[in-house]
């Protein structure tokens, strides 16, 4: 399942998100979205977990959790056609 993670602090790294989500199961991939030229975080990213049960547990536990001083917004990612902007 692909999971949207929003409201990330600018210093949040892929390694940090991997560690956070691994507490709930296997993490297939993590990507913090960044500005093309500056490399600065856009404040959101995606985590892919292979198991639906583990993904749902992570979403439930981490939505609203404070990370680097900001409450995370965590939910199932929408497809590109109807996704977030």
PDB file of N, CA and C in Angstrom:
ATOM      1  N   UNK A   1       0.849  -1.174   0.000  1.00  0.00           N
ATOM      2  CA  UNK A   1       0.000   0.000   0.000  1.00  0.00           C
ATOM      3  C   UNK A   1       0.890   1.231   0.000  1.00  0.00           C
ATOM      4  N   UNK A   2       0.517   2.230  -0.780  1.00  0.00           N
ATOM      5  CA  UNK A   2       1.245   3.488  -0.837  1.00  0.00           C
ATOM      6  C   UNK A   2       0.605   4.453   0.163  1.00  0.00           C
ATOM      7  N   UNK A   3       1.434   5.031   1.017  1.00  0.00           N
ATOM      8  CA  UNK A   3       0.965   5.883   2.107  1.00  0.00           C
ATOM      9  C   UNK A   3       1.482   7.303   1.914  1.00  0.00           C
ATOM     10  N   UNK A   4       0.583   8.279   1.970  1.00  0.00           N
ATOM     11  CA  UNK A   4       0.939   9.688   1.908  1.00  0.00           C
ATOM     12  C   UNK A   4       1.315  10.153   3.310  1.00  0.00           C
ATOM     13  N   UNK A   5       2.436  10.874   3.422  1.00  0.00           N
ATOM     14  CA  UNK A   5       2.866  11.432   4.702  1.00  0.00           C
ATOM     15  C   UNK A   5       3.068  12.931   4.489  1.00  0.00           C
ATOM     16  N   UNK A   6       2.206  13.725   5.107  1.00  0.00           N
ATOM     17  CA  UNK A   6       2.250  15.163   4.924  1.00  0.00           C
ATOM     18  C   UNK A   6       2.640  15.907   6.180  1.00  0.00           C
ATOM     19  N   UNK A   7       2.852  17.202   6.023  1.00  0.00           N
ATOM     20  CA  UNK A   7       3.239  18.110   7.101  1.00  0.00           C
ATOM     21  C   UNK A   7       4.607  17.745   7.672  1.00  0.00           C
ATOM     22  N   UNK A   8       5.522  17.342   6.784  1.00  0.00           N
ATOM     23  CA  UNK A   8       6.874  17.002   7.221  1.00  0.00           C
ATOM     24  C   UNK A   8       7.688  18.257   7.488  1.00  0.00           C
ATOM     25  N   UNK A   9       8.477  18.225   8.532  1.00  0.00           N
ATOM     26  CA  UNK A   9       9.436  19.296   8.784  1.00  0.00           C
ATOM     27  C   UNK A   9      10.505  19.239   7.691  1.00  0.00           C
ATOM     28  N   UNK A  10      11.086  20.367   7.365  1.00  0.00           N
ATOM     29  CA  UNK A  10      12.052  20.416   6.264  1.00  0.00           C
ATOM     30  C   UNK A  10      13.255  19.507   6.489  1.00  0.00           C
ATOM     31  N   UNK A  11      13.608  19.241   7.732  1.00  0.00           N
ATOM     32  CA  UNK A  11      14.780  18.407   8.012  1.00  0.00           C
ATOM     33  C   UNK A  11      14.487  16.908   8.040  1.00  0.00           C
ATOM     34  N   UNK A  12      13.234  16.506   7.888  1.00  0.00           N
ATOM     35  CA  UNK A  12      12.883  15.090   7.945  1.00  0.00           C
ATOM     36  C   UNK A  12      13.482  14.339   6.753  1.00  0.00           C
ATOM     37  N   UNK A  13      14.156  13.221   7.042  1.00  0.00           N
ATOM     38  CA  UNK A  13      14.844  12.455   6.003  1.00  0.00           C
ATOM     39  C   UNK A  13      14.122  11.147   5.703  1.00  0.00           C
ATOM     40  N   UNK A  14      14.500  10.537   4.591  1.00  0.00           N
ATOM     41  CA  UNK A  14      13.973   9.224   4.229  1.00  0.00           C
ATOM     42  C   UNK A  14      14.333   8.187   5.302  1.00  0.00           C
ATOM     43  N   UNK A  15      15.536   8.287   5.838  1.00  0.00           N
ATOM     44  CA  UNK A  15      15.990   7.352   6.879  1.00  0.00           C
ATOM     45  C   UNK A  15      15.108   7.446   8.110  1.00  0.00           C
ATOM     46  N   UNK A  16      14.759   8.665   8.490  1.00  0.00           N
ATOM     47  CA  UNK A  16      13.907   8.882   9.655  1.00  0.00           C
ATOM     48  C   UNK A  16      12.512   8.283   9.437  1.00  0.00           C
ATOM     49  N   UNK A  17      11.944   8.499   8.258  1.00  0.00           N
ATOM     50  CA  UNK A  17      10.622   7.934   7.956  1.00  0.00           C
ATOM     51  C   UNK A  17      10.671   6.416   7.903  1.00  0.00           C
ATOM     52  N   UNK A  18      11.740   5.865   7.336  1.00  0.00           N
ATOM     53  CA  UNK A  18      11.881   4.411   7.285  1.00  0.00           C
ATOM     54  C   UNK A  18      11.855   3.831   8.691  1.00  0.00           C
ATOM     55  N   UNK A  19      12.643   4.413   9.585  1.00  0.00           N
ATOM     56  CA  UNK A  19      12.687   3.929  10.971  1.00  0.00           C
ATOM     57  C   UNK A  19      11.318   4.019  11.643  1.00  0.00           C
ATOM     58  N   UNK A  20      10.625   5.109  11.401  1.00  0.00           N
ATOM     59  CA  UNK A  20       9.308   5.325  12.006  1.00  0.00           C
ATOM     60  C   UNK A  20       8.316   4.253  11.546  1.00  0.00           C
ATOM     61  N   UNK A  21       8.285   3.977  10.240  1.00  0.00           N
ATOM     62  CA  UNK A  21       7.312   3.040   9.688  1.00  0.00           C
ATOM     63  C   UNK A  21       7.709   1.577   9.888  1.00  0.00           C
ATOM     64  N   UNK A  22       8.992   1.273  10.027  1.00  0.00           N
ATOM     65  CA  UNK A  22       9.428  -0.109  10.220  1.00  0.00           C
ATOM     66  C   UNK A  22       8.895  -0.719  11.513  1.00  0.00           C
ATOM     67  N   UNK A  23       8.505   0.113  12.446  1.00  0.00           N
ATOM     68  CA  UNK A  23       7.918  -0.390  13.687  1.00  0.00           C
ATOM     69  C   UNK A  23       6.606  -1.135  13.417  1.00  0.00           C
ATOM     70  N   UNK A  24       6.017  -0.930  12.227  1.00  0.00           N
ATOM     71  CA  UNK A  24       4.730  -1.540  11.891  1.00  0.00           C
ATOM     72  C   UNK A  24       4.836  -2.641  10.850  1.00  0.00           C
ATOM     73  N   UNK A  25       6.022  -2.857  10.299  1.00  0.00           N
ATOM     74  CA  UNK A  25       6.198  -3.907   9.299  1.00  0.00           C
ATOM     75  C   UNK A  25       7.235  -3.517   8.268  1.00  0.00           C
ATOM     76  N   UNK A  26       7.347  -4.333   7.254  1.00  0.00           N
ATOM     77  CA  UNK A  26       8.339  -4.118   6.205  1.00  0.00           C
ATOM     78  C   UNK A  26       8.040  -2.843   5.416  1.00  0.00           C
ATOM     79  N   UNK A  27       9.078  -2.085   5.145  1.00  0.00           N
ATOM     80  CA  UNK A  27       8.968  -0.875   4.333  1.00  0.00           C
ATOM     81  C   UNK A  27       9.652  -1.149   3.002  1.00  0.00           C
ATOM     82  N   UNK A  28       8.894  -1.028   1.928  1.00  0.00           N
ATOM     83  CA  UNK A  28       9.427  -1.304   0.590  1.00  0.00           C
ATOM     84  C   UNK A  28      10.193  -0.101   0.034  1.00  0.00           C
ATOM     85  N   UNK A  29       9.644   1.097   0.218  1.00  0.00           N
ATOM     86  CA  UNK A  29      10.325   2.300  -0.265  1.00  0.00           C
ATOM     87  C   UNK A  29       9.832   3.525   0.486  1.00  0.00           C
ATOM     88  N   UNK A  30      10.685   4.553   0.507  1.00  0.00           N
ATOM     89  CA  UNK A  30      10.357   5.828   1.143  1.00  0.00           C
ATOM     90  C   UNK A  30      10.891   6.932   0.243  1.00  0.00           C
ATOM     91  N   UNK A  31      10.077   7.958   0.025  1.00  0.00           N
ATOM     92  CA  UNK A  31      10.526   9.096  -0.773  1.00  0.00           C
ATOM     93  C   UNK A  31       9.978  10.384  -0.186  1.00  0.00           C
ATOM     94  N   UNK A  32      10.879  11.281   0.187  1.00  0.00           N
ATOM     95  CA  UNK A  32      10.494  12.635   0.578  1.00  0.00           C
ATOM     96  C   UNK A  32      10.565  13.461  -0.697  1.00  0.00           C
ATOM     97  N   UNK A  33       9.483  14.122  -1.038  1.00  0.00           N
ATOM     98  CA  UNK A  33       9.443  14.906  -2.269  1.00  0.00           C
ATOM     99  C   UNK A  33      10.242  16.192  -2.074  1.00  0.00           C
ATOM    100  N   UNK A  34      11.073  16.502  -3.078  1.00  0.00           N
ATOM    101  CA  UNK A  34      11.978  17.651  -2.975  1.00  0.00           C
ATOM    102  C   UNK A  34      11.870  18.555  -4.203  1.00  0.00           C
ATOM    103  N   UNK A  35      12.182  19.829  -3.994  1.00  0.00           N
ATOM    104  CA  UNK A  35      12.236  20.794  -5.092  1.00  0.00           C
ATOM    105  C   UNK A  35      13.338  20.360  -6.054  1.00  0.00           C
ATOM    106  N   UNK A  36      13.089  20.497  -7.326  1.00  0.00           N
ATOM    107  CA  UNK A  36      14.002  20.012  -8.351  1.00  0.00           C
ATOM    108  C   UNK A  36      15.388  20.651  -8.270  1.00  0.00           C
ATOM    109  N   UNK A  37      15.458  21.958  -8.164  1.00  0.00           N
ATOM    110  CA  UNK A  37      16.752  22.628  -8.229  1.00  0.00           C
ATOM    111  C   UNK A  37      17.406  22.830  -6.869  1.00  0.00           C
ATOM    112  N   UNK A  38      16.621  23.183  -5.864  1.00  0.00           N
ATOM    113  CA  UNK A  38      17.206  23.462  -4.550  1.00  0.00           C
ATOM    114  C   UNK A  38      17.394  22.200  -3.705  1.00  0.00           C
ATOM    115  N   UNK A  39      16.598  21.172  -3.971  1.00  0.00           N
ATOM    116  CA  UNK A  39      16.665  19.957  -3.164  1.00  0.00           C
ATOM    117  C   UNK A  39      15.942  20.088  -1.828  1.00  0.00           C
ATOM    118  N   UNK A  40      15.292  21.218  -1.597  1.00  0.00           N
ATOM    119  CA  UNK A  40      14.557  21.439  -0.346  1.00  0.00           C
ATOM    120  C   UNK A  40      13.296  20.571  -0.311  1.00  0.00           C
ATOM    121  N   UNK A  41      12.973  20.087   0.869  1.00  0.00           N
ATOM    122  CA  UNK A  41      11.771  19.274   1.040  1.00  0.00           C
ATOM    123  C   UNK A  41      10.521  20.078   0.699  1.00  0.00           C
ATOM    124  N   UNK A  42       9.567  19.409   0.047  1.00  0.00           N
ATOM    125  CA  UNK A  42       8.272  20.038  -0.246  1.00  0.00           C
ATOM    126  C   UNK A  42       7.304  19.858   0.919  1.00  0.00           C
ATOM    127  N   UNK A  43       7.715  19.122   1.966  1.00  0.00           N
ATOM    128  CA  UNK A  43       6.872  18.959   3.145  1.00  0.00           C
ATOM    129  C   UNK A  43       5.968  17.745   3.111  1.00  0.00           C
ATOM    130  N   UNK A  44       6.172  16.876   2.122  1.00  0.00           N
ATOM    131  CA  UNK A  44       5.401  15.641   2.080  1.00  0.00           C
ATOM    132  C   UNK A  44       6.222  14.551   1.397  1.00  0.00           C
ATOM    133  N   UNK A  45       5.740  13.331   1.557  1.00  0.00           N
ATOM    134  CA  UNK A  45       6.427  12.197   0.947  1.00  0.00           C
ATOM    135  C   UNK A  45       5.525  10.989   0.900  1.00  0.00           C
ATOM    136  N   UNK A  46       6.107   9.863   0.497  1.00  0.00           N
ATOM    137  CA  UNK A  46       5.357   8.619   0.356  1.00  0.00           C
ATOM    138  C   UNK A  46       6.147   7.467   0.936  1.00  0.00           C
ATOM    139  N   UNK A  47       5.430   6.563   1.579  1.00  0.00           N
ATOM    140  CA  UNK A  47       6.015   5.340   2.112  1.00  0.00           C
ATOM    141  C   UNK A  47       5.232   4.187   1.510  1.00  0.00           C
ATOM    142  N   UNK A  48       5.932   3.204   0.983  1.00  0.00           N
ATOM    143  CA  UNK A  48       5.264   2.025   0.438  1.00  0.00           C
ATOM    144  C   UNK A  48       5.542   0.832   1.340  1.00  0.00           C
ATOM    145  N   UNK A  49       4.460   0.198   1.774  1.00  0.00           N
ATOM    146  CA  UNK A  49       4.542  -1.002   2.612  1.00  0.00           C
ATOM    147  C   UNK A  49       3.772  -2.114   1.902  1.00  0.00           C
ATOM    148  N   UNK A  50       4.340  -3.329   1.825  1.00  0.00           N
ATOM    149  CA  UNK A  50       3.687  -4.398   1.080  1.00  0.00           C
ATOM    150  C   UNK A  50       2.414  -4.952   1.721  1.00  0.00           C
ATOM    151  N   UNK A  51       2.300  -4.939   3.031  1.00  0.00           N
ATOM    152  CA  UNK A  51       1.140  -5.532   3.687  1.00  0.00           C
ATOM    153  C   UNK A  51       0.064  -4.507   4.021  1.00  0.00           C
ATOM    154  N   UNK A  52      -1.176  -4.798   3.651  1.00  0.00           N
ATOM    155  CA  UNK A  52      -2.277  -3.857   3.915  1.00  0.00           C
ATOM    156  C   UNK A  52      -2.531  -3.702   5.418  1.00  0.00           C
ATOM    157  N   UNK A  53      -2.507  -4.803   6.151  1.00  0.00           N
ATOM    158  CA  UNK A  53      -2.764  -4.734   7.596  1.00  0.00           C
ATOM    159  C   UNK A  53      -1.705  -3.883   8.295  1.00  0.00           C
ATOM    160  N   UNK A  54      -0.445  -4.072   7.924  1.00  0.00           N
ATOM    161  CA  UNK A  54       0.632  -3.278   8.526  1.00  0.00           C
ATOM    162  C   UNK A  54       0.511  -1.811   8.125  1.00  0.00           C
ATOM    163  N   UNK A  55       0.142  -1.582   6.874  1.00  0.00           N
ATOM    164  CA  UNK A  55      -0.029  -0.205   6.383  1.00  0.00           C
ATOM    165  C   UNK A  55      -1.133   0.510   7.154  1.00  0.00           C
ATOM    166  N   UNK A  56      -2.254  -0.151   7.334  1.00  0.00           N
ATOM    167  CA  UNK A  56      -3.373   0.456   8.054  1.00  0.00           C
ATOM    168  C   UNK A  56      -3.025   0.717   9.514  1.00  0.00           C
ATOM    169  N   UNK A  57      -2.265  -0.198  10.120  1.00  0.00           N
ATOM    170  CA  UNK A  57      -1.826  -0.004  11.504  1.00  0.00           C
ATOM    171  C   UNK A  57      -0.906   1.209  11.606  1.00  0.00           C
ATOM    172  N   UNK A  58      -0.007   1.367  10.640  1.00  0.00           N
ATOM    173  CA  UNK A  58       0.904   2.513  10.632  1.00  0.00           C
ATOM    174  C   UNK A  58       0.127   3.816  10.457  1.00  0.00           C
ATOM    175  N   UNK A  59      -0.827   3.819   9.540  1.00  0.00           N
ATOM    176  CA  UNK A  59      -1.647   5.016   9.311  1.00  0.00           C
ATOM    177  C   UNK A  59      -2.380   5.409  10.584  1.00  0.00           C
ATOM    178  N   UNK A  60      -3.009   4.437  11.218  1.00  0.00           N
ATOM    179  CA  UNK A  60      -3.777   4.692  12.434  1.00  0.00           C
ATOM    180  C   UNK A  60      -2.892   5.232  13.559  1.00  0.00           C
ATOM    181  N   UNK A  61      -1.718   4.647  13.726  1.00  0.00           N
ATOM    182  CA  UNK A  61      -0.845   5.028  14.836  1.00  0.00           C
ATOM    183  C   UNK A  61      -0.087   6.334  14.587  1.00  0.00           C
ATOM    184  N   UNK A  62       0.249   6.625  13.328  1.00  0.00           N
ATOM    185  CA  UNK A  62       1.137   7.753  13.051  1.00  0.00           C
ATOM    186  C   UNK A  62       0.429   9.037  12.642  1.00  0.00           C
ATOM    187  N   UNK A  63      -0.841   8.956  12.242  1.00  0.00           N
ATOM    188  CA  UNK A  63      -1.567  10.167  11.869  1.00  0.00           C
ATOM    189  C   UNK A  63      -1.694  11.070  13.101  1.00  0.00           C
ATOM    190  N   UNK A  64      -1.159  12.267  13.013  1.00  0.00           N
ATOM    191  CA  UNK A  64      -1.191  13.206  14.135  1.00  0.00           C
ATOM    192  C   UNK A  64       0.013  13.120  15.056  1.00  0.00           C
ATOM    193  N   UNK A  65       0.860  12.102  14.868  1.00  0.00           N
ATOM    194  CA  UNK A  65       2.048  11.944  15.718  1.00  0.00           C
ATOM    195  C   UNK A  65       3.040  13.064  15.427  1.00  0.00           C
ATOM    196  N   UNK A  66       3.655  13.589  16.464  1.00  0.00           N
ATOM    197  CA  UNK A  66       4.634  14.652  16.324  1.00  0.00           C
ATOM    198  C   UNK A  66       5.969  14.076  15.831  1.00  0.00           C
ATOM    199  N   UNK A  67       6.511  14.682  14.774  1.00  0.00           N
ATOM    200  CA  UNK A  67       7.834  14.323  14.273  1.00  0.00           C
ATOM    201  C   UNK A  67       8.557  15.622  13.944  1.00  0.00           C
ATOM    202  N   UNK A  68       9.669  15.835  14.602  1.00  0.00           N
ATOM    203  CA  UNK A  68      10.464  17.057  14.418  1.00  0.00           C
ATOM    204  C   UNK A  68       9.631  18.321  14.630  1.00  0.00           C
ATOM    205  N   UNK A  69       8.732  18.260  15.615  1.00  0.00           N
ATOM    206  CA  UNK A  69       7.956  19.439  15.990  1.00  0.00           C
ATOM    207  C   UNK A  69       6.701  19.702  15.178  1.00  0.00           C
ATOM    208  N   UNK A  70       6.333  18.766  14.299  1.00  0.00           N
ATOM    209  CA  UNK A  70       5.128  18.965  13.481  1.00  0.00           C
ATOM    210  C   UNK A  70       4.265  17.708  13.522  1.00  0.00           C
ATOM    211  N   UNK A  71       2.938  17.865  13.636  1.00  0.00           N
ATOM    212  CA  UNK A  71       2.059  16.690  13.627  1.00  0.00           C
ATOM    213  C   UNK A  71       1.917  16.142  12.196  1.00  0.00           C
ATOM    214  N   UNK A  72       2.226  14.866  12.020  1.00  0.00           N
ATOM    215  CA  UNK A  72       2.146  14.237  10.702  1.00  0.00           C
ATOM    216  C   UNK A  72       0.705  14.076  10.239  1.00  0.00           C
ATOM    217  N   UNK A  73       0.504  14.175   8.931  1.00  0.00           N
ATOM    218  CA  UNK A  73      -0.760  13.797   8.299  1.00  0.00           C
ATOM    219  C   UNK A  73      -0.451  12.527   7.516  1.00  0.00           C
ATOM    220  N   UNK A  74      -1.063  11.429   7.926  1.00  0.00           N
ATOM    221  CA  UNK A  74      -0.759  10.127   7.322  1.00  0.00           C
ATOM    222  C   UNK A  74      -2.051   9.472   6.866  1.00  0.00           C
ATOM    223  N   UNK A  75      -2.124   9.121   5.572  1.00  0.00           N
ATOM    224  CA  UNK A  75      -3.293   8.419   5.059  1.00  0.00           C
ATOM    225  C   UNK A  75      -2.926   7.676   3.775  1.00  0.00           C
ATOM    226  N   UNK A  76      -3.850   6.862   3.307  1.00  0.00           N
ATOM    227  CA  UNK A  76      -3.606   6.126   2.081  1.00  0.00           C
ATOM    228  C   UNK A  76      -3.456   7.115   0.931  1.00  0.00           C
ATOM    229  N   UNK A  77      -2.419   6.926   0.125  1.00  0.00           N
ATOM    230  CA  UNK A  77      -2.169   7.828  -1.006  1.00  0.00           C
ATOM    231  C   UNK A  77      -3.218   7.615  -2.081  1.00  0.00           C
ATOM    232  N   UNK A  78      -3.633   8.719  -2.692  1.00  0.00           N
ATOM    233  CA  UNK A  78      -4.569   8.657  -3.814  1.00  0.00           C
ATOM    234  C   UNK A  78      -3.774   8.409  -5.090  1.00  0.00           C
ATOM    235  N   UNK A  79      -4.449   7.878  -6.102  1.00  0.00           N
ATOM    236  CA  UNK A  79      -3.792   7.698  -7.396  1.00  0.00           C
ATOM    237  C   UNK A  79      -3.447   9.036  -8.013  1.00  0.00           C
ATOM    238  N   UNK A  80      -2.556   9.042  -8.978  1.00  0.00           N
ATOM    239  CA  UNK A  80      -2.121  10.289  -9.601  1.00  0.00           C
ATOM    240  C   UNK A  80      -3.264  11.068 -10.240  1.00  0.00           C
ATOM    241  N   UNK A  81      -4.286  10.383 -10.755  1.00  0.00           N
ATOM    242  CA  UNK A  81      -5.381  11.077 -11.432  1.00  0.00           C
ATOM    243  C   UNK A  81      -6.239  11.884 -10.466  1.00  0.00           C
ATOM    244  N   UNK A  82      -6.380  11.418  -9.224  1.00  0.00           N
ATOM    245  CA  UNK A  82      -7.217  12.141  -8.260  1.00  0.00           C
ATOM    246  C   UNK A  82      -6.455  12.490  -7.007  1.00  0.00           C
ATOM    247  N   UNK A  83      -5.141  12.597  -7.132  1.00  0.00           N
ATOM    248  CA  UNK A  83      -4.279  12.751  -5.968  1.00  0.00           C
ATOM    249  C   UNK A  83      -4.262  14.142  -5.373  1.00  0.00           C
ATOM    250  N   UNK A  84      -3.430  14.288  -4.405  1.00  0.00           N
ATOM    251  CA  UNK A  84      -3.273  15.549  -3.670  1.00  0.00           C
ATOM    252  C   UNK A  84      -2.395  16.498  -4.468  1.00  0.00           C
ATOM    253  N   UNK A  85      -2.562  17.756  -4.196  1.00  0.00           N
ATOM    254  CA  UNK A  85      -1.704  18.778  -4.830  1.00  0.00           C
ATOM    255  C   UNK A  85      -1.255  19.739  -3.775  1.00  0.00           C
TER     256      UNK A  85
END
